[in-house]
Amino acid sequence: MRKKSDTDILESSDLDNLDNIDDPGELFSLLFRVMKKLRSLDGCIWDREQTHESIKKNLLEEAYEAVESIENNNYSGLKEELGDILLQVVFHSQIALENSEFDIGQVLKYILKKLIRRHPHVFGGKVVSSSSEVLSNWEDIKKEERKINLKKNNSMFVDIPRIMPSLHYAFEIQNRASRLGFDWENAADVFGKIKEELVEINVELNKAESQNISDEIGDILFSVVNLSRHLKIDCEQCLKDTCKKFIKRFDYMERYAEENGLDFKKLPLAEKDKLWEIAKEAEKL
């Protein structure tokens, strides 16, 4: 019988018996012990060399792959990708433990306390009547947390990762502002703002001042994100779908040109536009 003090020791019998373990807690413990073994002197050279910095991109990549699995309704793939994300959490936690920064127990305690603290309508006596009220309360709680933690900027936007795709970054900024009542009343008002921004960029195009043009393009994009948010449409997904559609049509144009003995690159733009229309029509078949 293994002693409690020996729970961090990995034995060959643990791995041999893996398929017979169903308890999530036991499996999580085994995962952490496997990672500890990989980072040990008799483990894997590559794993041992890694740092927070060297593997930070892996965490982002695994998250994107999980999202792609969801978009493709590939839930078998999602199961694998979520495991890869969990591995990154354990990997960083093991590195942190070795550096005396924190351990996996503190990670788990932190998120548990946060969930309990930010859901007083579930774990406390607060009463709410809608999801919007939940989100509004969430922002109030986060504001109080920022006041307590003096090391943090008190801005409600401070913890939005700037590495996020810019459309989602803009969406999250607008969403948080909306929770405090700073928002357009309806989509029609936002559309009016887009038309206003288009007029302004036209003025700047005539002036040919690149910085002002850049600012106006940013304003247009920000307003388009606002419109999609009011219409409850995922602007990031909209752009991805359009990119996929463009690739599909462009690939069709190149194939069509090749099959008809045409050098696509040398075709005049007017002829390429005709091929574009042919590609669009082909989608309807």
Foldseek 3Di string as FASTA:
>chain_A
DDDPVCLLADDPVCVVCVVVDDDPVNVLSNLLSLLVQCLDPPHPPVLVPDACVRCVVVLVVLVVQLVVCVVVVNVVSNVVSVVSNVNVVSSHQSNCVVVVNHHPVVVVVVVVVLVLQLPCCVNNVDDDDDPLVSVLSSLVSVLVVCVVVVVDDSDSLRPQDPPPPPLVSLLVVQVNVVSVPPADPALVVLVVQLVVLVVVLVVVVVVVDVVSNVVSVVSNSSSVSRNCVRVVHRVVVVVVVVVVVVVQLVVQLVVVCVVVVHDVVPDPPVVSVVSSVVSVVVVVD
